[in-house]
Amino acid sequence: MNRSQQILILCGILSIGIVAVLAGIMMYMNAGAPTMTTPAGGIQKSPSGYDLSLLTVDVPSGEPLGNVSVYLDGGYDGSTSDQGTTGILELGPVSKGRHTIRVSKSGYLDYTQSVVVPSDSPVRIGLQSQLLVPIQVAGSHDTKIDIVFIPSGTTYDYADQEKITTTPYVTNRSAFVTDVNGIVNESLFTLDTVTDTTNPIPSDYRNRFNIYYYYDSSQFADAFDGCSGSVPDTFWETVPFADVVIILYPPYSATDAGTSDEPEGCVNHGSGRSWMKTPDNQNVLFQHEIGHAIFGLVDTYCGDTLYWQNDPHPNVWSSQESCVADAINNSWDPSACRQIEAADPASCTKPFWRWDPDPDIMHEGYSGTFGKASTQRMTYVFNNINIWGTAA
């Protein structure tokens, strides 16, 4: 073998060695060296787990919340940033699998949520104000009728004819919440059973409400401050979106039962604000009052109340001719148009007309149903949500 042949063999051996070494390095890099990957949702994988983004927001506004303390699997993990009100905290490294996140902020209810890592998107947690708690949120404020219940710190002693300045609601939040849920389920959510069935209200009417309750242990509404009661001065700052506020109060205290001491309801249509009071145990009276507050219905009894022709689709007319014309247009019996009047307990006559037959909830208050005219008006409001101040 000459020298040239020896050099060629040596070069071949070196080439094989270099290839082997390079292959070994590549195998090591692929099998053992740590790499950074970015799964869907922007979660960064590190040698010891995943980095996970947490966003905390206020409910119902959706605004980001800063300075929210975050606990991961029981241990404190930091607080969300308030810089630029981003409400974001990067958690990590977090191992793959199920974890528990608890968040806490002064003025808000603590909240705990289970998450699975890796997640397809940043974790978003909504915090409820301790003052305002949702019962049902079916959509945005501009697409739903927003109702807020607030407890009364007063009730009434009919026997002594005086206001009682303390109620069970003052010391028992749970009692108030139970009563709110009761009247929602037994009165608000049973409107389909007391309205006209030939031209019914929308079948999904329950999902056209957002319902909340407000509870501040330091101040309460006063159901017996005037006809419709009053709410704390700072109340509206928390619920500027409310379409209707309902002051709920416990039943009257009375020695004798009877119509003379029936619990009262009353509605105040303020400038852009509507509120009413109602007892917690009078389902039909509640329906009568929301007939006013939500649907803009007018009383059909004769007495000391307000009357007007509540167009469009009224349940009260300012003339017999208008009532008859609407009845004919709707294929109703025009002879059912009659003047609002009464002979007992005192003579009373108003220059307004009604059509719905008795027993009419807007006439009786404590019994009856909503007739065709009232139901037509209610359907109009359901289909034209947030028309307060114009049609309602």
Protein backbone atom coordinates (compact mmCIF):
# COMPACT_ATOMS: atom_id res chain seq x y z
CA MET A 1 0.00 0.00 0.00
CA ASN A 2 1.51 3.28 -1.02
CA ARG A 3 1.32 6.53 0.95
CA SER A 4 -1.56 7.97 -1.10
CA GLN A 5 -3.74 4.96 -0.36
CA GLN A 6 -2.98 5.26 3.38
CA ILE A 7 -4.06 8.91 3.40
CA LEU A 8 -7.36 8.10 1.66
CA ILE A 9 -8.18 5.35 4.17
CA LEU A 10 -7.38 7.66 7.09
CA CYS A 11 -9.64 10.38 5.67
CA GLY A 12 -12.45 7.86 5.30
CA ILE A 13 -12.10 6.74 8.91
CA LEU A 14 -12.13 10.35 10.11
CA SER A 15 -15.24 11.11 8.02
CA ILE A 16 -17.09 8.15 9.50
CA GLY A 17 -16.06 9.25 13.00
CA ILE A 18 -17.19 12.80 12.46
CA VAL A 19 -20.56 11.64 11.09
CA ALA A 20 -20.98 9.32 14.07
CA VAL A 21 -20.15 12.09 16.51
CA LEU A 22 -22.55 14.49 14.82
CA ALA A 23 -25.28 11.85 14.80
CA GLY A 24 -24.71 11.25 18.49
CA ILE A 25 -24.98 14.94 19.22
CA MET A 26 -28.24 15.18 17.27
CA MET A 27 -29.64 12.14 19.05
CA TYR A 28 -28.75 13.73 22.39
CA MET A 29 -30.35 17.01 21.41
CA ASN A 30 -33.54 15.31 20.29
CA ALA A 31 -33.80 12.91 23.19
CA GLY A 32 -32.33 14.67 26.17
CA ALA A 33 -31.85 18.38 25.65
CA PRO A 34 -34.68 20.68 26.97
CA THR A 35 -36.66 22.67 24.38
CA MET A 36 -39.21 25.50 24.56
CA THR A 37 -42.60 24.96 22.92
CA THR A 38 -45.64 27.18 22.63
CA PRO A 39 -48.89 25.19 22.80
CA ALA A 40 -52.16 26.67 21.64
CA GLY A 41 -53.18 29.60 23.79
CA GLY A 42 -49.66 30.92 24.35
CA ILE A 43 -48.80 28.67 27.32
CA GLN A 44 -45.03 28.35 27.57
CA LYS A 45 -43.61 24.94 28.44
CA SER A 46 -40.48 24.92 30.58
CA PRO A 47 -38.35 22.04 31.90
CA SER A 48 -40.47 21.83 35.06
CA GLY A 49 -43.96 22.63 33.75
CA TYR A 50 -46.08 25.26 32.04
CA ASP A 51 -46.46 29.00 32.46
CA LEU A 52 -50.17 29.83 32.72
CA SER A 53 -51.82 33.25 32.29
CA LEU A 54 -54.64 34.23 34.67
CA LEU A 55 -56.98 37.14 33.96
CA THR A 56 -59.33 38.46 36.67
CA VAL A 57 -62.28 40.70 35.80
CA ASP A 58 -65.15 42.41 37.57
CA VAL A 59 -68.65 40.98 37.16
CA PRO A 60 -70.83 42.27 35.65
CA SER A 61 -68.77 45.08 34.04
CA GLY A 62 -66.03 42.81 32.63
CA GLU A 63 -63.33 45.34 33.57
CA PRO A 64 -59.91 43.84 34.49
CA LEU A 65 -59.13 43.75 38.22
CA GLY A 66 -55.69 44.42 39.64
CA ASN A 67 -54.31 43.56 43.10
CA VAL A 68 -56.20 40.27 43.24
CA SER A 69 -54.44 37.73 45.47
CA VAL A 70 -54.01 34.39 43.73
CA TYR A 71 -53.54 31.02 45.44
CA LEU A 72 -52.48 27.94 43.45
CA ASP A 73 -53.24 24.59 45.09
CA GLY A 74 -53.47 26.29 48.48
CA GLY A 75 -50.25 28.29 48.27
CA TYR A 76 -49.95 32.03 47.61
CA ASP A 77 -48.66 32.64 44.09
CA GLY A 78 -48.79 36.44 43.78
CA SER A 79 -51.30 39.10 42.79
CA THR A 80 -52.61 40.36 39.47
CA SER A 81 -51.03 43.50 38.07
CA ASP A 82 -52.80 46.82 38.42
CA GLN A 83 -50.49 48.46 35.89
CA GLY A 84 -52.74 49.60 33.08
CA THR A 85 -55.51 47.68 34.88
CA THR A 86 -54.49 44.54 33.02
CA GLY A 87 -55.67 42.18 35.75
CA ILE A 88 -53.18 39.55 34.58
CA LEU A 89 -50.85 37.26 36.54
CA GLU A 90 -48.46 34.75 34.99
CA LEU A 91 -48.52 31.52 36.98
CA GLY A 92 -45.74 29.02 36.62
CA PRO A 93 -44.16 26.72 36.24
CA VAL A 94 -47.31 24.61 36.66
CA SER A 95 -47.21 20.86 36.19
CA LYS A 96 -49.50 19.12 33.74
CA GLY A 97 -52.85 18.04 35.18
CA ARG A 98 -55.70 19.45 37.30
CA HIS A 99 -55.08 22.32 39.71
CA THR A 100 -57.13 24.59 41.98
CA ILE A 101 -56.95 28.37 41.74
CA ARG A 102 -58.45 30.59 44.46
CA VAL A 103 -58.65 34.36 44.06
CA SER A 104 -59.35 36.97 46.72
CA LYS A 105 -59.80 40.75 46.65
CA SER A 106 -61.12 43.19 49.23
CA GLY A 107 -64.73 44.11 48.45
CA TYR A 108 -65.29 40.97 46.39
CA LEU A 109 -66.42 37.43 47.12
CA ASP A 110 -63.63 34.84 47.14
CA TYR A 111 -63.78 32.47 44.20
CA THR A 112 -62.26 29.03 43.59
CA GLN A 113 -61.93 27.37 40.19
CA SER A 114 -60.51 24.07 38.98
CA VAL A 115 -58.30 24.25 35.88
CA VAL A 116 -56.58 21.68 33.70
CA VAL A 117 -53.03 22.40 32.48
CA PRO A 118 -52.18 22.82 29.68
CA SER A 119 -55.20 24.93 28.87
CA ASP A 120 -56.25 26.05 25.41
CA SER A 121 -56.59 29.66 26.51
CA PRO A 122 -55.68 31.91 29.43
CA VAL A 123 -57.79 31.27 32.53
CA ARG A 124 -60.42 34.01 33.00
CA ILE A 125 -62.08 34.39 36.40
CA GLY A 126 -64.90 36.83 37.16
CA LEU A 127 -65.18 38.25 40.68
CA GLN A 128 -68.52 39.28 42.16
CA SER A 129 -68.81 42.36 44.33
CA GLN A 130 -69.80 41.46 47.86
CA LEU A 131 -72.63 43.95 47.43
CA LEU A 132 -73.98 42.70 44.10
CA VAL A 133 -74.52 39.01 43.40
CA PRO A 134 -76.08 37.58 40.21
CA ILE A 135 -78.93 35.10 40.36
CA GLN A 136 -79.26 34.78 36.59
CA VAL A 137 -77.21 36.47 33.88
CA ALA A 138 -78.66 35.66 30.47
CA GLY A 139 -76.85 38.28 28.39
CA SER A 140 -75.48 41.81 28.18
CA HIS A 141 -77.25 44.72 29.87
CA ASP A 142 -78.42 46.21 26.60
CA THR A 143 -80.11 42.99 25.48
CA LYS A 144 -81.85 41.98 28.73
CA ILE A 145 -84.14 43.43 31.37
CA ASP A 146 -81.89 44.00 34.41
CA ILE A 147 -83.63 43.50 37.76
CA VAL A 148 -81.91 44.13 41.11
CA PHE A 149 -83.45 43.09 44.44
CA ILE A 150 -82.49 44.99 47.60
CA PRO A 151 -83.65 44.15 51.15
CA SER A 152 -85.67 46.55 53.25
CA GLY A 153 -84.43 47.22 56.75
CA THR A 154 -87.99 48.15 57.73
CA THR A 155 -91.46 46.65 57.75
CA TYR A 156 -94.77 47.82 59.21
CA ASP A 157 -96.86 47.12 62.30
CA TYR A 158 -100.44 47.59 61.16
CA ALA A 159 -101.88 47.23 64.65
CA ASP A 160 -99.77 50.06 66.07
CA GLN A 161 -99.72 51.99 62.78
CA GLU A 162 -95.97 52.44 62.86
CA LYS A 163 -92.87 51.45 60.99
CA ILE A 164 -90.71 48.66 62.43
CA THR A 165 -87.09 49.67 62.05
CA THR A 166 -85.57 46.22 62.00
CA THR A 167 -86.31 43.10 59.97
CA PRO A 168 -84.90 39.56 59.72
CA TYR A 169 -83.06 40.68 56.58
CA VAL A 170 -80.79 42.96 58.64
CA THR A 171 -79.17 40.05 60.44
CA ASN A 172 -79.89 37.17 58.07
CA ARG A 173 -78.65 37.51 54.51
CA SER A 174 -79.67 33.93 53.74
CA ALA A 175 -83.30 34.67 54.63
CA PHE A 176 -83.34 37.52 52.12
CA VAL A 177 -81.71 35.42 49.39
CA THR A 178 -84.20 32.60 50.01
CA ASP A 179 -87.12 35.01 49.67
CA VAL A 180 -85.69 36.54 46.50
CA ASN A 181 -85.31 33.12 44.88
CA GLY A 182 -88.80 32.20 46.02
CA ILE A 183 -90.53 35.21 44.48
CA VAL A 184 -88.49 34.91 41.27
CA ASN A 185 -89.45 31.26 40.79
CA GLU A 186 -93.04 31.52 42.02
CA SER A 187 -94.04 34.87 40.56
CA LEU A 188 -91.68 36.30 37.92
CA PHE A 189 -91.05 32.94 36.27
CA THR A 190 -94.75 31.98 36.25
CA LEU A 191 -95.95 34.87 34.07
CA ASP A 192 -96.86 32.40 31.34
CA THR A 193 -99.52 30.94 33.66
CA VAL A 194 -101.29 34.28 34.26
CA THR A 195 -101.16 35.80 30.76
CA ASP A 196 -103.34 35.29 27.71
CA THR A 197 -102.70 31.93 26.06
CA THR A 198 -104.23 32.73 22.66
CA ASN A 199 -101.49 35.27 21.95
CA PRO A 200 -98.90 34.33 24.58
CA ILE A 201 -95.79 36.10 25.77
CA PRO A 202 -92.50 34.75 24.28
CA SER A 203 -91.83 31.16 25.35
CA ASP A 204 -88.25 32.06 26.32
CA TYR A 205 -89.28 35.06 28.43
CA ARG A 206 -87.39 33.77 31.48
CA ASN A 207 -84.12 34.16 29.57
CA ARG A 208 -84.87 37.79 28.82
CA PHE A 209 -84.02 38.82 32.38
CA ASN A 210 -80.74 39.43 34.17
CA ILE A 211 -81.45 39.12 37.90
CA TYR A 212 -79.22 40.23 40.79
CA TYR A 213 -79.49 40.88 44.48
CA TYR A 214 -77.73 43.66 46.38
CA TYR A 215 -76.81 43.24 50.03
CA ASP A 216 -74.90 45.78 52.11
CA SER A 217 -74.95 44.90 55.80
CA SER A 218 -74.23 48.53 56.72
CA GLN A 219 -77.24 50.08 54.98
CA PHE A 220 -80.59 48.89 53.71
CA ALA A 221 -83.53 50.15 51.70
CA ASP A 222 -86.54 51.58 53.52
CA ALA A 223 -89.75 50.19 52.06
CA PHE A 224 -91.84 52.60 54.13
CA ASP A 225 -90.14 55.86 53.26
CA GLY A 226 -92.93 57.21 51.08
CA CYS A 227 -95.12 55.19 48.74
CA SER A 228 -92.43 53.27 46.86
CA GLY A 229 -89.71 53.39 49.54
CA SER A 230 -86.13 54.57 49.17
CA VAL A 231 -82.67 53.10 48.61
CA PRO A 232 -79.27 54.16 50.03
CA ASP A 233 -77.64 57.14 48.31
CA THR A 234 -74.64 55.08 47.18
CA PHE A 235 -76.77 52.24 45.81
CA TRP A 236 -77.00 53.56 42.24
CA GLU A 237 -73.20 53.75 41.96
CA THR A 238 -73.09 49.95 42.11
CA VAL A 239 -76.07 49.29 39.84
CA PRO A 240 -76.15 52.05 37.19
CA PHE A 241 -77.34 49.46 34.67
CA ALA A 242 -80.50 48.46 36.59
CA ASP A 243 -83.75 48.77 34.67
CA VAL A 244 -85.91 47.94 37.68
CA VAL A 245 -85.01 47.84 41.39
CA ILE A 246 -87.24 45.82 43.71
CA ILE A 247 -87.31 46.61 47.43
CA LEU A 248 -88.33 43.40 49.15
CA TYR A 249 -89.74 43.55 52.68
CA PRO A 250 -91.01 40.93 55.16
CA PRO A 251 -94.79 40.61 55.74
CA TYR A 252 -96.70 43.16 57.78
CA SER A 253 -97.11 42.67 61.48
CA ALA A 254 -100.85 42.76 62.24
CA THR A 255 -103.24 41.47 64.89
CA ASP A 256 -106.19 40.96 62.54
CA ALA A 257 -106.13 39.52 59.04
CA GLY A 258 -108.18 41.18 56.35
CA THR A 259 -108.12 43.40 53.32
CA SER A 260 -107.75 46.53 55.45
CA ASP A 261 -104.21 45.54 56.35
CA GLU A 262 -103.17 43.94 53.08
CA PRO A 263 -99.48 44.49 52.31
CA GLU A 264 -98.88 47.32 49.89
CA GLY A 265 -96.87 47.61 46.72
CA CYS A 266 -95.92 50.79 44.95
CA VAL A 267 -93.84 51.86 41.94
CA ASN A 268 -91.75 54.98 41.33
CA HIS A 269 -90.86 55.80 37.74
CA GLY A 270 -87.84 58.07 38.21
CA SER A 271 -85.78 59.76 35.53
CA GLY A 272 -84.13 56.73 33.96
CA ARG A 273 -84.67 54.81 37.19
CA SER A 274 -87.62 52.69 38.17
CA TRP A 275 -88.06 51.04 41.53
CA MET A 276 -90.85 49.36 43.42
CA LYS A 277 -91.57 47.78 46.77
CA THR A 278 -93.35 44.51 47.43
CA PRO A 279 -93.74 42.05 50.31
CA ASP A 280 -91.97 38.72 50.04
CA ASN A 281 -95.13 36.60 50.35
CA GLN A 282 -97.60 38.12 47.88
CA ASN A 283 -96.96 36.59 44.46
CA VAL A 284 -99.92 38.15 42.64
CA LEU A 285 -99.24 41.59 44.12
CA PHE A 286 -95.66 41.21 42.87
CA GLN A 287 -97.00 40.48 39.38
CA HIS A 288 -99.26 43.54 39.59
CA GLU A 289 -96.33 45.80 40.53
CA ILE A 290 -93.97 44.49 37.85
CA GLY A 291 -96.86 45.07 35.47
CA HIS A 292 -96.19 48.74 36.22
CA ALA A 293 -92.42 48.73 36.71
CA ILE A 294 -91.34 46.47 33.85
CA PHE A 295 -94.18 46.55 31.34
CA GLY A 296 -95.64 50.02 31.83
CA LEU A 297 -99.17 48.76 32.46
CA VAL A 298 -101.72 51.16 33.97
CA ASP A 299 -104.06 50.45 36.89
CA THR A 300 -107.59 49.64 35.80
CA TYR A 301 -109.26 50.14 39.19
CA CYS A 302 -110.86 53.46 40.09
CA GLY A 303 -108.95 55.32 42.76
CA ASP A 304 -106.10 57.63 43.67
CA THR A 305 -103.61 56.50 41.04
CA LEU A 306 -102.21 57.66 37.68
CA TYR A 307 -104.03 57.15 34.39
CA TRP A 308 -102.90 57.64 30.81
CA GLN A 309 -103.17 55.89 27.48
CA ASN A 310 -99.97 53.85 27.53
CA ASP A 311 -99.27 53.57 23.81
CA PRO A 312 -98.21 51.51 22.00
CA HIS A 313 -100.45 48.53 22.78
CA PRO A 314 -102.21 50.13 25.76
CA ASN A 315 -104.29 48.45 28.43
CA VAL A 316 -106.00 51.79 29.23
CA TRP A 317 -107.46 54.28 26.74
CA SER A 318 -108.23 57.98 27.06
CA SER A 319 -111.50 57.65 25.14
CA GLN A 320 -114.11 55.05 24.37
CA GLU A 321 -113.51 55.61 20.65
CA SER A 322 -109.81 54.73 21.01
CA CYS A 323 -110.63 51.59 22.97
CA VAL A 324 -113.20 50.46 20.41
CA ALA A 325 -110.83 51.15 17.51
CA ASP A 326 -108.08 49.04 19.10
CA ALA A 327 -110.55 46.26 19.92
CA ILE A 328 -111.74 46.09 16.32
CA ASN A 329 -108.15 46.21 15.03
CA ASN A 330 -107.22 43.27 17.29
CA SER A 331 -110.42 41.28 16.58
CA TRP A 332 -111.60 41.72 20.18
CA ASP A 333 -115.18 42.33 21.25
CA PRO A 334 -115.58 46.15 21.12
CA SER A 335 -118.52 46.01 23.52
CA ALA A 336 -116.06 45.01 26.28
CA CYS A 337 -114.69 48.58 26.33
CA ARG A 338 -115.97 50.17 29.54
CA GLN A 339 -115.21 53.23 31.60
CA ILE A 340 -113.06 52.99 34.72
CA GLU A 341 -115.50 53.51 37.55
CA ALA A 342 -116.64 52.10 40.87
CA ALA A 343 -119.60 52.43 43.23
CA ASP A 344 -118.22 50.69 46.30
CA PRO A 345 -116.79 51.58 48.76
CA ALA A 346 -117.19 55.08 47.28
CA SER A 347 -118.45 56.52 44.03
CA CYS A 348 -115.61 56.97 41.55
CA THR A 349 -115.41 57.72 37.83
CA LYS A 350 -112.37 58.38 35.63
CA PRO A 351 -112.26 59.65 32.02
CA PHE A 352 -110.44 56.49 30.91
CA TRP A 353 -111.52 53.14 29.48
CA ARG A 354 -110.39 49.55 29.89
CA TRP A 355 -110.97 46.32 27.99
CA ASP A 356 -109.46 43.34 29.88
CA PRO A 357 -112.12 41.27 31.67
CA ASP A 358 -112.20 40.83 35.42
CA PRO A 359 -110.60 39.41 37.43
CA ASP A 360 -107.83 41.58 35.97
CA ILE A 361 -104.54 41.70 37.89
CA MET A 362 -104.20 45.41 37.10
CA HIS A 363 -107.66 45.93 38.66
CA GLU A 364 -107.65 43.49 41.57
CA GLY A 365 -104.02 43.64 42.72
CA TYR A 366 -104.19 40.48 44.81
CA SER A 367 -105.87 38.11 42.35
CA GLY A 368 -106.69 37.66 38.69
CA THR A 369 -104.78 37.32 35.42
CA PHE A 370 -103.42 39.56 32.67
CA GLY A 371 -105.96 39.88 29.84
CA LYS A 372 -105.37 40.19 26.10
CA ALA A 373 -104.58 43.90 26.18
CA SER A 374 -102.08 43.61 29.03
CA THR A 375 -100.47 40.51 27.51
CA GLN A 376 -100.07 42.26 24.16
CA ARG A 377 -98.30 45.14 25.91
CA MET A 378 -96.02 42.73 27.82
CA THR A 379 -95.06 40.94 24.60
CA TYR A 380 -94.21 44.28 23.01
CA VAL A 381 -91.84 45.14 25.88
CA PHE A 382 -90.20 41.69 25.79
CA ASN A 383 -89.54 42.20 22.08
CA ASN A 384 -88.29 45.77 22.49
CA ILE A 385 -86.08 45.53 25.57
CA ASN A 386 -84.68 48.73 27.09
CA ILE A 387 -87.30 51.14 25.81
CA TRP A 388 -87.78 52.72 29.26
CA GLY A 389 -88.96 56.28 29.19
CA THR A 390 -90.46 56.01 25.69
CA ALA A 391 -92.94 53.18 25.43
CA ALA A 392 -92.94 51.94 29.01
